[in-house]
């Protein structure tokens, strides 16, 4: 937040404008296969996909599965 405030003073614009610009930059899609600076590849594991009985549309159901019996 301090960096954003400093940038708003340096750029002579509002704090909201600095934050809007930062969000736009963060949400711009990178070309496929190109990683953004600071990003890490997603870890994947071998397996047979979604386990039986797991409903990805139910957050409470997912919590039950993750916490176990």
N, C-alpha and C. Protein backbone atom coordinates (compact mmCIF):
# COMPACT_ATOMS: atom_id res chain seq x y z
N UNK A 1 0.83 -1.17 0.00
CA UNK A 1 0.00 0.00 0.00
C UNK A 1 0.89 1.26 0.00
N UNK A 2 1.99 1.17 0.73
CA UNK A 2 2.91 2.32 0.75
C UNK A 2 3.48 2.58 -0.63
N UNK A 3 3.83 1.51 -1.34
CA UNK A 3 4.37 1.68 -2.70
C UNK A 3 3.32 2.31 -3.62
N UNK A 4 2.06 1.90 -3.45
CA UNK A 4 0.99 2.46 -4.26
C UNK A 4 0.81 3.94 -3.96
N UNK A 5 0.87 4.31 -2.69
CA UNK A 5 0.74 5.72 -2.31
C UNK A 5 1.88 6.54 -2.89
N UNK A 6 3.09 6.00 -2.80
CA UNK A 6 4.26 6.70 -3.35
C UNK A 6 4.10 6.87 -4.86
N UNK A 7 3.65 5.82 -5.53
CA UNK A 7 3.46 5.89 -6.98
C UNK A 7 2.41 6.93 -7.35
N UNK A 8 1.35 7.04 -6.56
CA UNK A 8 0.30 8.02 -6.87
C UNK A 8 0.84 9.44 -6.75
N UNK A 9 1.71 9.68 -5.78
CA UNK A 9 2.32 11.01 -5.64
C UNK A 9 3.26 11.27 -6.81
N UNK A 10 4.10 10.28 -7.15
CA UNK A 10 5.05 10.45 -8.24
C UNK A 10 4.36 10.67 -9.58
N UNK A 11 3.26 9.97 -9.80
CA UNK A 11 2.53 10.06 -11.07
C UNK A 11 1.49 11.18 -11.08
N UNK A 12 1.31 11.80 -9.91
CA UNK A 12 0.33 12.88 -9.77
C UNK A 12 -1.08 12.41 -10.16
N UNK A 13 -1.46 11.25 -9.60
CA UNK A 13 -2.79 10.73 -9.85
C UNK A 13 -3.34 10.15 -8.54
N UNK A 14 -4.58 9.70 -8.58
CA UNK A 14 -5.19 9.18 -7.35
C UNK A 14 -4.68 7.78 -7.04
N UNK A 15 -4.82 7.40 -5.78
CA UNK A 15 -4.44 6.06 -5.34
C UNK A 15 -5.28 5.01 -6.08
N UNK A 16 -6.54 5.32 -6.29
CA UNK A 16 -7.43 4.40 -7.02
C UNK A 16 -6.95 4.13 -8.43
N UNK A 17 -6.44 5.16 -9.10
CA UNK A 17 -5.92 4.98 -10.46
C UNK A 17 -4.70 4.06 -10.46
N UNK A 18 -3.83 4.22 -9.48
CA UNK A 18 -2.65 3.36 -9.38
C UNK A 18 -3.08 1.92 -9.16
N UNK A 19 -4.04 1.71 -8.27
CA UNK A 19 -4.52 0.36 -7.99
C UNK A 19 -5.22 -0.23 -9.20
N UNK A 20 -6.04 0.57 -9.90
CA UNK A 20 -6.69 0.09 -11.13
C UNK A 20 -5.66 -0.35 -12.17
N UNK A 21 -4.62 0.46 -12.36
CA UNK A 21 -3.57 0.11 -13.33
C UNK A 21 -2.87 -1.18 -12.94
N UNK A 22 -2.58 -1.32 -11.64
CA UNK A 22 -1.90 -2.53 -11.17
C UNK A 22 -2.78 -3.77 -11.40
N UNK A 23 -4.07 -3.65 -11.15
CA UNK A 23 -4.97 -4.78 -11.39
C UNK A 23 -5.05 -5.13 -12.87
N UNK A 24 -5.12 -4.12 -13.71
CA UNK A 24 -5.15 -4.39 -15.15
C UNK A 24 -3.91 -5.16 -15.59
N UNK A 25 -2.76 -4.72 -15.11
CA UNK A 25 -1.51 -5.40 -15.47
C UNK A 25 -1.49 -6.83 -14.95
N UNK A 26 -1.99 -7.03 -13.75
CA UNK A 26 -1.97 -8.37 -13.15
C UNK A 26 -2.93 -9.32 -13.85
N UNK A 27 -4.02 -8.79 -14.41
CA UNK A 27 -5.04 -9.65 -15.01
C UNK A 27 -4.89 -9.85 -16.50
N UNK A 28 -3.92 -9.20 -17.11
CA UNK A 28 -3.69 -9.38 -18.55
C UNK A 28 -3.17 -10.79 -18.77
N UNK A 29 -3.76 -11.47 -19.73
CA UNK A 29 -3.34 -12.84 -20.01
C UNK A 29 -2.00 -12.86 -20.73
N UNK A 30 -1.16 -13.79 -20.33
CA UNK A 30 0.12 -14.00 -21.01
C UNK A 30 -0.10 -14.98 -22.16
N UNK A 31 0.71 -14.90 -23.19
CA UNK A 31 0.63 -15.91 -24.25
C UNK A 31 0.88 -17.30 -23.67
N UNK A 32 0.24 -18.30 -24.25
CA UNK A 32 0.41 -19.67 -23.75
C UNK A 32 1.87 -20.07 -23.74
N UNK A 33 2.26 -20.74 -22.66
CA UNK A 33 3.63 -21.22 -22.54
C UNK A 33 4.58 -20.19 -21.96
N UNK A 34 4.11 -18.96 -21.78
CA UNK A 34 4.96 -17.91 -21.22
C UNK A 34 4.52 -17.66 -19.79
N UNK A 35 5.46 -17.78 -18.87
CA UNK A 35 5.14 -17.54 -17.47
C UNK A 35 5.46 -16.11 -17.12
N UNK A 36 4.60 -15.54 -16.29
CA UNK A 36 4.86 -14.20 -15.79
C UNK A 36 5.95 -14.25 -14.75
N UNK A 37 6.64 -13.14 -14.58
CA UNK A 37 7.69 -13.04 -13.59
C UNK A 37 7.10 -13.32 -12.21
N UNK A 38 7.75 -14.19 -11.46
CA UNK A 38 7.31 -14.50 -10.11
C UNK A 38 6.31 -15.64 -10.03
N UNK A 39 5.85 -16.15 -11.18
CA UNK A 39 4.90 -17.26 -11.13
C UNK A 39 5.64 -18.59 -11.15
N UNK A 40 5.01 -19.59 -10.59
CA UNK A 40 5.61 -20.92 -10.56
C UNK A 40 4.69 -21.88 -11.30
N UNK A 41 5.24 -22.92 -11.89
CA UNK A 41 4.38 -23.89 -12.56
C UNK A 41 3.51 -24.62 -11.54
N UNK A 42 2.32 -24.96 -11.95
CA UNK A 42 1.39 -25.68 -11.10
C UNK A 42 1.87 -27.12 -10.93
N UNK A 43 1.94 -27.58 -9.69
CA UNK A 43 2.34 -28.95 -9.44
C UNK A 43 1.19 -29.87 -9.80
N UNK A 44 1.51 -30.93 -10.50
CA UNK A 44 0.51 -31.93 -10.86
C UNK A 44 0.97 -33.29 -10.37
N UNK A 45 0.04 -34.17 -10.15
CA UNK A 45 0.33 -35.50 -9.64
C UNK A 45 -0.36 -36.53 -10.50
N UNK A 46 0.24 -37.66 -10.61
CA UNK A 46 -0.38 -38.73 -11.38
C UNK A 46 -1.59 -39.26 -10.62
N UNK A 47 -2.54 -39.70 -11.34
CA UNK A 47 -3.74 -40.25 -10.71
C UNK A 47 -4.80 -40.52 -11.75
N UNK A 48 -5.94 -40.89 -11.27
CA UNK A 48 -7.02 -41.24 -12.19
C UNK A 48 -8.09 -40.15 -12.25
N UNK A 49 -7.73 -38.94 -11.90
CA UNK A 49 -8.68 -37.84 -12.00
C UNK A 49 -9.48 -37.64 -10.73
N UNK A 50 -10.65 -37.11 -10.90
CA UNK A 50 -11.54 -36.80 -9.78
C UNK A 50 -11.97 -38.08 -9.06
N UNK A 51 -11.87 -38.05 -7.76
CA UNK A 51 -12.25 -39.22 -6.96
C UNK A 51 -13.77 -39.36 -6.93
N UNK A 52 -14.27 -40.61 -6.84
CA UNK A 52 -15.72 -40.82 -6.79
C UNK A 52 -16.33 -40.11 -5.59
N UNK A 53 -17.49 -39.52 -5.79
CA UNK A 53 -18.20 -38.86 -4.69
C UNK A 53 -17.80 -37.42 -4.44
N UNK A 54 -16.84 -36.89 -5.20
CA UNK A 54 -16.40 -35.51 -5.01
C UNK A 54 -17.22 -34.61 -5.94
N UNK A 55 -17.89 -33.63 -5.33
CA UNK A 55 -18.70 -32.68 -6.09
C UNK A 55 -18.00 -31.33 -6.07
N UNK A 56 -17.43 -30.92 -7.19
CA UNK A 56 -16.66 -29.68 -7.25
C UNK A 56 -17.52 -28.44 -7.13
N UNK A 57 -18.84 -28.59 -7.20
CA UNK A 57 -19.73 -27.44 -7.09
C UNK A 57 -20.19 -27.21 -5.65
N UNK A 58 -19.78 -28.06 -4.74
CA UNK A 58 -20.21 -27.94 -3.35
C UNK A 58 -19.00 -27.70 -2.45
N UNK A 59 -18.87 -26.47 -1.95
CA UNK A 59 -17.72 -26.15 -1.10
C UNK A 59 -17.78 -26.92 0.22
N UNK A 60 -18.97 -27.11 0.77
CA UNK A 60 -19.06 -27.86 2.02
C UNK A 60 -18.74 -29.34 1.78
N UNK A 61 -19.13 -29.87 0.63
CA UNK A 61 -18.80 -31.24 0.29
C UNK A 61 -17.30 -31.43 0.11
N UNK A 62 -16.65 -30.46 -0.55
CA UNK A 62 -15.20 -30.53 -0.73
C UNK A 62 -14.49 -30.48 0.61
N UNK A 63 -14.98 -29.63 1.50
CA UNK A 63 -14.37 -29.53 2.83
C UNK A 63 -14.46 -30.85 3.58
N UNK A 64 -15.61 -31.51 3.47
CA UNK A 64 -15.77 -32.81 4.12
C UNK A 64 -14.79 -33.84 3.57
N UNK A 65 -14.62 -33.85 2.25
CA UNK A 65 -13.70 -34.80 1.63
C UNK A 65 -12.26 -34.51 2.05
N UNK A 66 -11.89 -33.23 2.10
CA UNK A 66 -10.52 -32.86 2.44
C UNK A 66 -10.20 -33.15 3.91
N UNK A 67 -11.18 -32.95 4.78
CA UNK A 67 -10.93 -33.17 6.20
C UNK A 67 -10.99 -34.64 6.57
N UNK A 68 -11.61 -35.44 5.73
CA UNK A 68 -11.67 -36.87 5.98
C UNK A 68 -12.73 -37.24 7.01
N UNK A 69 -12.77 -38.53 7.34
CA UNK A 69 -13.80 -39.02 8.27
C UNK A 69 -13.63 -38.53 9.69
